[in-house]
Each structure stands twice: as C-alpha cells, then as structure tokens.
Amino acid sequence: MARLCGGVAALATDASAGDLRLAGSPRPSRTPNRHRELVDREWAIPRQVHGARVVVLETSRGPLDVEADAVVSATSDACVAVLGADCGLVGLASPEGLFGVAHAGWRGLDAGVIEATVKALGDLGASRL
C-alpha cells in the first residue's frame, strides 16, 4: 500500500489476489468478498460502463449502485475502487485529502473520463493533484 498526498493510501492488486468483484455482481465472483482480505471495509465500486460519468461519494459507505467509471470523494475513511483488465486505472489525490479513481479504457479516454475526474475533484476544492 502506497501513501499519497493528503493522507490518502493507494493499493493495487493483480490476478494473484483473486477475483475482487463483489458478491451479487452481474458476473458472480469466483471468490466472494475476497476484497475484505485486502481492506476490511465496505468498498464503493461503481458498475463500470466505459464512459466518462463521475460519481461523488459523500459517505464512507459502499457499495455503489450506480453506473460510472470514476469515483471521487472527500470522505477520509471511504474506500473506493475501480476494476480493470486491459483498461488503465488512474488514481488522483490532493493535499486537501480529496481523492478519486478512474477506469480509463480507450472508450473512457475518448469520452473524457480523466478530464471529468479532474474537474470533479476541482469542484470539491482540490488545489492541485
């Protein structure tokens, strides 16, 4: 786990950590709730659709029942995630403790998911990322 600015921590995994999809997801996990072994909290993971929608997480509670490809938050104890296979994943943090993650495949990049995530963090008050 890496510490980023503003007290935000980032964790990246690969297939060796198992299938991290939440139980009850459209494609059921072969290893239900394996994500709790990495971080023992409710994760906010949107239903990713290869677009540019950003959701603002206003509480520390997950999971999210929303279609989006990025999540931003100012909630210090929130645990947010996006999943990727051959798509890129981008994590951003600010000195103010704001943070976000984006699922950025070619469709999302073309739609502007990175720009939308940066704008959402700026709207929350990020001075720099």
N, C-alpha and C. Protein backbone atom coordinates (compact mmCIF):
# COMPACT_ATOMS: atom_id res chain seq x y z
N MET A 1 0.85 -1.17 0.00
CA MET A 1 0.00 0.00 0.00
C MET A 1 0.89 1.23 0.00
N ALA A 2 0.61 2.15 -0.89
CA ALA A 2 1.39 3.38 -1.00
C ALA A 2 0.61 4.55 -0.42
N ARG A 3 1.30 5.43 0.29
CA ARG A 3 0.69 6.64 0.81
C ARG A 3 0.84 7.74 -0.22
N LEU A 4 -0.26 8.40 -0.53
CA LEU A 4 -0.25 9.52 -1.45
C LEU A 4 -0.40 10.80 -0.65
N CYS A 5 -0.50 11.93 -1.30
CA CYS A 5 -0.64 13.20 -0.59
C CYS A 5 -1.99 13.29 0.10
N GLY A 6 -2.10 14.13 1.12
CA GLY A 6 -3.34 14.34 1.83
C GLY A 6 -3.76 13.17 2.70
N GLY A 7 -2.85 12.24 3.00
CA GLY A 7 -3.19 11.10 3.84
C GLY A 7 -3.91 9.98 3.12
N VAL A 8 -4.01 10.06 1.81
CA VAL A 8 -4.71 9.05 1.02
C VAL A 8 -3.76 7.89 0.75
N ALA A 9 -4.26 6.67 0.86
CA ALA A 9 -3.46 5.48 0.58
C ALA A 9 -3.99 4.81 -0.68
N ALA A 10 -3.11 4.20 -1.44
CA ALA A 10 -3.49 3.50 -2.66
C ALA A 10 -2.98 2.08 -2.62
N LEU A 11 -3.79 1.18 -3.12
CA LEU A 11 -3.45 -0.23 -3.16
C LEU A 11 -3.76 -0.75 -4.56
N ALA A 12 -2.82 -1.41 -5.17
CA ALA A 12 -3.04 -2.02 -6.48
C ALA A 12 -2.82 -3.52 -6.35
N THR A 13 -3.64 -4.29 -7.02
CA THR A 13 -3.50 -5.74 -6.98
C THR A 13 -3.50 -6.27 -8.40
N ASP A 14 -3.22 -7.56 -8.52
CA ASP A 14 -3.32 -8.23 -9.80
C ASP A 14 -4.12 -9.52 -9.60
N ALA A 15 -4.15 -10.35 -10.59
CA ALA A 15 -4.97 -11.56 -10.54
C ALA A 15 -4.58 -12.49 -9.39
N SER A 16 -3.37 -12.38 -8.86
CA SER A 16 -2.97 -13.26 -7.77
C SER A 16 -3.78 -13.01 -6.50
N ALA A 17 -4.44 -11.83 -6.40
CA ALA A 17 -5.29 -11.54 -5.24
C ALA A 17 -6.66 -12.18 -5.38
N GLY A 18 -6.94 -12.79 -6.50
CA GLY A 18 -8.23 -13.43 -6.72
C GLY A 18 -9.20 -12.50 -7.41
N ASP A 19 -10.41 -12.95 -7.55
CA ASP A 19 -11.48 -12.19 -8.19
C ASP A 19 -12.06 -11.24 -7.17
N LEU A 20 -11.93 -9.93 -7.40
CA LEU A 20 -12.34 -8.95 -6.40
C LEU A 20 -13.74 -8.39 -6.64
N ARG A 21 -14.46 -8.93 -7.61
CA ARG A 21 -15.84 -8.44 -7.80
C ARG A 21 -16.66 -8.76 -6.57
N LEU A 22 -17.61 -7.89 -6.27
CA LEU A 22 -18.47 -8.09 -5.11
C LEU A 22 -19.47 -9.21 -5.34
N ALA A 23 -19.78 -9.95 -4.28
CA ALA A 23 -20.82 -10.96 -4.38
C ALA A 23 -22.11 -10.27 -4.81
N GLY A 24 -22.87 -10.91 -5.68
CA GLY A 24 -24.11 -10.32 -6.16
C GLY A 24 -23.93 -9.45 -7.39
N SER A 25 -22.69 -9.30 -7.88
CA SER A 25 -22.46 -8.51 -9.08
C SER A 25 -23.01 -9.28 -10.28
N PRO A 26 -23.22 -8.58 -11.40
CA PRO A 26 -23.78 -9.28 -12.57
C PRO A 26 -22.99 -10.52 -12.98
N ARG A 27 -21.69 -10.49 -12.81
CA ARG A 27 -20.86 -11.67 -13.08
C ARG A 27 -20.34 -12.14 -11.73
N PRO A 28 -20.98 -13.13 -11.13
CA PRO A 28 -20.64 -13.52 -9.76
C PRO A 28 -19.17 -13.84 -9.57
N SER A 29 -18.67 -13.47 -8.42
CA SER A 29 -17.27 -13.70 -8.07
C SER A 29 -17.01 -15.18 -7.84
N ARG A 30 -15.88 -15.63 -8.32
CA ARG A 30 -15.46 -17.00 -8.01
C ARG A 30 -14.94 -17.08 -6.58
N THR A 31 -14.56 -15.97 -6.02
CA THR A 31 -14.06 -15.92 -4.65
C THR A 31 -14.81 -14.79 -3.94
N PRO A 32 -16.04 -15.04 -3.48
CA PRO A 32 -16.89 -13.98 -2.93
C PRO A 32 -16.22 -13.17 -1.83
N ASN A 33 -16.37 -11.86 -1.93
CA ASN A 33 -15.91 -10.91 -0.92
C ASN A 33 -14.43 -11.02 -0.60
N ARG A 34 -13.62 -11.44 -1.56
CA ARG A 34 -12.18 -11.53 -1.38
C ARG A 34 -11.57 -10.17 -1.06
N HIS A 35 -12.25 -9.10 -1.49
CA HIS A 35 -11.75 -7.75 -1.26
C HIS A 35 -11.57 -7.44 0.22
N ARG A 36 -12.35 -8.05 1.10
CA ARG A 36 -12.23 -7.78 2.54
C ARG A 36 -10.88 -8.24 3.09
N GLU A 37 -10.23 -9.17 2.43
CA GLU A 37 -8.91 -9.61 2.87
C GLU A 37 -7.86 -8.53 2.63
N LEU A 38 -8.11 -7.63 1.67
CA LEU A 38 -7.16 -6.56 1.37
C LEU A 38 -7.41 -5.34 2.24
N VAL A 39 -8.66 -4.91 2.32
CA VAL A 39 -9.05 -3.77 3.15
C VAL A 39 -10.38 -4.14 3.78
N ASP A 40 -10.43 -4.25 5.10
CA ASP A 40 -11.63 -4.72 5.78
C ASP A 40 -12.64 -3.58 5.98
N ARG A 41 -13.19 -3.12 4.86
CA ARG A 41 -14.22 -2.07 4.86
C ARG A 41 -15.13 -2.32 3.67
N GLU A 42 -16.26 -1.64 3.69
CA GLU A 42 -17.12 -1.70 2.51
C GLU A 42 -16.47 -0.88 1.41
N TRP A 43 -16.36 -1.45 0.24
CA TRP A 43 -15.77 -0.76 -0.91
C TRP A 43 -16.89 -0.14 -1.73
N ALA A 44 -16.65 1.04 -2.26
CA ALA A 44 -17.55 1.68 -3.20
C ALA A 44 -16.99 1.43 -4.60
N ILE A 45 -17.63 0.53 -5.32
CA ILE A 45 -17.20 0.17 -6.67
C ILE A 45 -18.38 0.38 -7.61
N PRO A 46 -18.26 1.31 -8.55
CA PRO A 46 -19.38 1.54 -9.46
C PRO A 46 -19.50 0.43 -10.50
N ARG A 47 -20.65 0.36 -11.14
CA ARG A 47 -20.82 -0.53 -12.30
C ARG A 47 -20.22 0.21 -13.49
N GLN A 48 -19.09 -0.25 -13.92
CA GLN A 48 -18.32 0.45 -14.97
C GLN A 48 -18.91 0.18 -16.35
N VAL A 49 -18.99 1.27 -17.15
CA VAL A 49 -19.65 1.18 -18.46
C VAL A 49 -18.81 1.75 -19.59
N HIS A 50 -17.53 2.01 -19.36
CA HIS A 50 -16.63 2.54 -20.39
C HIS A 50 -17.08 3.91 -20.88
N GLY A 51 -17.42 4.78 -19.95
CA GLY A 51 -17.85 6.14 -20.27
C GLY A 51 -17.06 7.16 -19.48
N ALA A 52 -17.67 8.32 -19.24
CA ALA A 52 -16.98 9.41 -18.54
C ALA A 52 -17.75 9.90 -17.32
N ARG A 53 -18.75 9.16 -16.87
CA ARG A 53 -19.52 9.60 -15.71
C ARG A 53 -18.69 9.44 -14.44
N VAL A 54 -18.74 10.49 -13.61
CA VAL A 54 -18.05 10.50 -12.33
C VAL A 54 -19.10 10.61 -11.24
N VAL A 55 -18.99 9.81 -10.22
CA VAL A 55 -19.90 9.89 -9.08
C VAL A 55 -19.11 10.42 -7.88
N VAL A 56 -19.75 11.32 -7.10
CA VAL A 56 -19.15 11.85 -5.89
C VAL A 56 -19.66 11.02 -4.72
N LEU A 57 -18.75 10.38 -4.01
CA LEU A 57 -19.10 9.59 -2.83
C LEU A 57 -19.10 10.51 -1.63
N GLU A 58 -20.27 10.70 -1.03
CA GLU A 58 -20.40 11.66 0.07
C GLU A 58 -20.38 11.01 1.44
N THR A 59 -20.36 9.68 1.48
CA THR A 59 -20.27 8.96 2.75
C THR A 59 -19.18 7.92 2.62
N SER A 60 -18.87 7.27 3.71
CA SER A 60 -17.85 6.22 3.64
C SER A 60 -18.47 4.87 3.35
N ARG A 61 -19.74 4.83 3.09
CA ARG A 61 -20.43 3.56 2.89
C ARG A 61 -20.44 3.13 1.43
N GLY A 62 -20.20 1.89 1.19
CA GLY A 62 -20.34 1.30 -0.12
C GLY A 62 -21.33 0.17 0.01
N PRO A 63 -21.63 -0.60 -0.96
CA PRO A 63 -21.21 -0.44 -2.35
C PRO A 63 -22.08 0.58 -3.07
N LEU A 64 -21.66 0.95 -4.24
CA LEU A 64 -22.42 1.90 -5.06
C LEU A 64 -23.35 1.13 -5.98
N ASP A 65 -24.54 1.63 -6.14
CA ASP A 65 -25.47 1.05 -7.10
C ASP A 65 -25.69 2.08 -8.20
N VAL A 66 -24.62 2.36 -8.94
CA VAL A 66 -24.67 3.40 -9.96
C VAL A 66 -23.71 3.04 -11.09
N GLU A 67 -24.08 3.41 -12.31
CA GLU A 67 -23.19 3.23 -13.45
C GLU A 67 -22.28 4.45 -13.55
N ALA A 68 -21.00 4.23 -13.51
CA ALA A 68 -19.99 5.30 -13.61
C ALA A 68 -18.64 4.66 -13.86
N ASP A 69 -17.68 5.47 -14.29
CA ASP A 69 -16.33 4.95 -14.49
C ASP A 69 -15.30 5.66 -13.64
N ALA A 70 -15.77 6.53 -12.75
CA ALA A 70 -14.86 7.20 -11.82
C ALA A 70 -15.62 7.53 -10.54
N VAL A 71 -14.88 7.52 -9.44
CA VAL A 71 -15.44 7.88 -8.13
C VAL A 71 -14.49 8.87 -7.50
N VAL A 72 -15.04 9.96 -6.96
CA VAL A 72 -14.25 10.93 -6.21
C VAL A 72 -14.88 11.11 -4.84
N SER A 73 -14.06 11.52 -3.86
CA SER A 73 -14.58 11.69 -2.51
C SER A 73 -13.71 12.62 -1.68
N ALA A 74 -14.33 13.23 -0.70
CA ALA A 74 -13.62 14.00 0.31
C ALA A 74 -13.77 13.32 1.67
N THR A 75 -14.39 12.15 1.68
CA THR A 75 -14.63 11.42 2.92
C THR A 75 -13.39 10.61 3.27
N SER A 76 -12.74 10.97 4.36
CA SER A 76 -11.42 10.41 4.67
C SER A 76 -11.40 8.91 4.88
N ASP A 77 -12.49 8.31 5.33
CA ASP A 77 -12.45 6.87 5.58
C ASP A 77 -13.15 6.07 4.48
N ALA A 78 -13.44 6.71 3.35
CA ALA A 78 -14.06 5.99 2.24
C ALA A 78 -13.04 5.05 1.59
N CYS A 79 -13.53 3.97 1.06
CA CYS A 79 -12.70 3.01 0.35
C CYS A 79 -13.32 2.85 -1.04
N VAL A 80 -12.68 3.42 -2.05
CA VAL A 80 -13.22 3.40 -3.41
C VAL A 80 -12.33 2.58 -4.31
N ALA A 81 -12.92 2.02 -5.35
CA ALA A 81 -12.14 1.19 -6.25
C ALA A 81 -12.77 1.19 -7.63
N VAL A 82 -11.95 0.94 -8.63
CA VAL A 82 -12.39 0.60 -9.97
C VAL A 82 -11.62 -0.65 -10.37
N LEU A 83 -12.22 -1.42 -11.22
CA LEU A 83 -11.60 -2.67 -11.65
C LEU A 83 -11.18 -2.54 -13.11
N GLY A 84 -10.12 -3.22 -13.47
CA GLY A 84 -9.66 -3.16 -14.86
C GLY A 84 -9.02 -4.46 -15.27
N ALA A 85 -9.12 -4.75 -16.53
CA ALA A 85 -8.43 -5.90 -17.11
C ALA A 85 -7.38 -5.33 -18.05
N ASP A 86 -7.78 -4.98 -19.27
CA ASP A 86 -6.84 -4.36 -20.19
C ASP A 86 -7.01 -2.85 -20.23
N CYS A 87 -7.85 -2.30 -19.36
CA CYS A 87 -8.05 -0.85 -19.28
C CYS A 87 -7.08 -0.24 -18.27
N GLY A 88 -6.80 1.04 -18.44
CA GLY A 88 -5.96 1.73 -17.49
C GLY A 88 -6.74 2.15 -16.26
N LEU A 89 -6.06 2.27 -15.16
CA LEU A 89 -6.66 2.74 -13.92
C LEU A 89 -5.86 3.94 -13.45
N VAL A 90 -6.55 5.02 -13.09
CA VAL A 90 -5.90 6.25 -12.68
C VAL A 90 -6.35 6.60 -11.27
N GLY A 91 -5.38 6.87 -10.40
CA GLY A 91 -5.68 7.33 -9.05
C GLY A 91 -5.15 8.75 -8.87
N LEU A 92 -5.95 9.61 -8.26
CA LEU A 92 -5.57 11.01 -8.03
C LEU A 92 -5.83 11.37 -6.58
N ALA A 93 -4.98 12.23 -6.03
CA ALA A 93 -5.17 12.71 -4.66
C ALA A 93 -4.70 14.15 -4.57
N SER A 94 -5.26 14.88 -3.61
CA SER A 94 -4.88 16.28 -3.41
C SER A 94 -4.39 16.48 -1.99
N PRO A 95 -3.66 17.56 -1.74
CA PRO A 95 -3.19 17.84 -0.38
C PRO A 95 -4.34 18.03 0.61
N GLU A 96 -5.52 18.38 0.11
CA GLU A 96 -6.68 18.60 0.97
C GLU A 96 -7.34 17.29 1.41
N GLY A 97 -6.83 16.16 0.95
CA GLY A 97 -7.41 14.87 1.31
C GLY A 97 -8.51 14.41 0.37
N LEU A 98 -8.69 15.10 -0.73
CA LEU A 98 -9.64 14.67 -1.75
C LEU A 98 -8.97 13.60 -2.61
N PHE A 99 -9.74 12.67 -3.13
CA PHE A 99 -9.14 11.62 -3.93
C PHE A 99 -10.17 11.07 -4.91
N GLY A 100 -9.65 10.38 -5.92
CA GLY A 100 -10.52 9.76 -6.89
C GLY A 100 -9.81 8.68 -7.65
N VAL A 101 -10.60 7.81 -8.25
CA VAL A 101 -10.08 6.75 -9.12
C VAL A 101 -10.92 6.73 -10.38
N ALA A 102 -10.28 6.40 -11.49
CA ALA A 102 -10.97 6.34 -12.77
C ALA A 102 -10.59 5.08 -13.52
N HIS A 103 -11.56 4.47 -14.13
CA HIS A 103 -11.40 3.33 -15.02
C HIS A 103 -11.27 3.92 -16.42
N ALA A 104 -10.12 3.77 -17.03
CA ALA A 104 -9.82 4.54 -18.25
C ALA A 104 -9.37 3.66 -19.40
N GLY A 105 -10.30 2.99 -20.02
CA GLY A 105 -10.02 2.27 -21.26
C GLY A 105 -10.10 3.26 -22.42
N TRP A 106 -9.93 2.77 -23.63
CA TRP A 106 -9.91 3.71 -24.76
C TRP A 106 -11.25 4.41 -24.94
N ARG A 107 -12.36 3.73 -24.65
CA ARG A 107 -13.66 4.39 -24.79
C ARG A 107 -13.81 5.49 -23.75
N GLY A 108 -13.41 5.22 -22.52
CA GLY A 108 -13.48 6.23 -21.46
C GLY A 108 -12.55 7.40 -21.72
N LEU A 109 -11.35 7.09 -22.20
CA LEU A 109 -10.42 8.18 -22.54
C LEU A 109 -10.99 9.06 -23.64
N ASP A 110 -11.58 8.42 -24.65
CA ASP A 110 -12.19 9.18 -25.74
C ASP A 110 -13.37 10.02 -25.25
N ALA A 111 -14.11 9.49 -24.27
CA ALA A 111 -15.26 10.21 -23.71
C ALA A 111 -14.84 11.31 -22.73
N GLY A 112 -13.59 11.27 -22.24
CA GLY A 112 -13.09 12.30 -21.34
C GLY A 112 -13.17 11.97 -19.86
N VAL A 113 -13.05 10.69 -19.50
CA VAL A 113 -13.17 10.29 -18.10
C VAL A 113 -12.09 10.94 -17.21
N ILE A 114 -10.87 11.07 -17.71
CA ILE A 114 -9.82 11.68 -16.89
C ILE A 114 -10.15 13.16 -16.64
N GLU A 115 -10.50 13.86 -17.69
CA GLU A 115 -10.84 15.29 -17.55
C GLU A 115 -12.03 15.48 -16.61
N ALA A 116 -13.03 14.60 -16.72
CA ALA A 116 -14.20 14.70 -15.86
C ALA A 116 -13.84 14.43 -14.39
N THR A 117 -12.92 13.50 -14.16
CA THR A 117 -12.49 13.20 -12.80
C THR A 117 -11.72 14.37 -12.21
N VAL A 118 -10.82 14.95 -12.98
CA VAL A 118 -10.06 16.12 -12.52
C VAL A 118 -11.01 17.28 -12.22
N LYS A 119 -11.99 17.51 -13.09
CA LYS A 119 -12.96 18.58 -12.87
C LYS A 119 -13.76 18.34 -11.59
N ALA A 120 -14.20 17.11 -11.37
CA ALA A 120 -14.98 16.79 -10.18
C ALA A 120 -14.16 17.04 -8.91
N LEU A 121 -12.88 16.70 -8.94
CA LEU A 121 -12.02 16.96 -7.78
C LEU A 121 -11.83 18.46 -7.58
N GLY A 122 -11.67 19.20 -8.67
CA GLY A 122 -11.57 20.66 -8.58
C GLY A 122 -12.85 21.27 -8.02
N ASP A 123 -13.99 20.75 -8.44
CA ASP A 123 -15.27 21.23 -7.92
C ASP A 123 -15.41 20.99 -6.43
N LEU A 124 -14.77 19.91 -5.93
CA LEU A 124 -14.79 19.62 -4.50
C LEU A 124 -13.80 20.49 -3.71
N GLY A 125 -12.88 21.15 -4.43
CA GLY A 125 -11.94 22.05 -3.75
C GLY A 125 -10.47 21.67 -3.84
N ALA A 126 -10.13 20.73 -4.71
CA ALA A 126 -8.72 20.34 -4.84
C ALA A 126 -7.93 21.50 -5.44
N SER A 127 -6.83 21.86 -4.79
CA SER A 127 -5.99 22.95 -5.29
C SER A 127 -4.98 22.45 -6.34
N ARG A 128 -4.57 21.19 -6.19
CA ARG A 128 -3.67 20.56 -7.14
C ARG A 128 -3.77 19.05 -6.92
N LEU A 129 -3.34 18.29 -7.92
CA LEU A 129 -3.43 16.83 -7.85
C LEU A 129 -2.07 16.24 -8.08
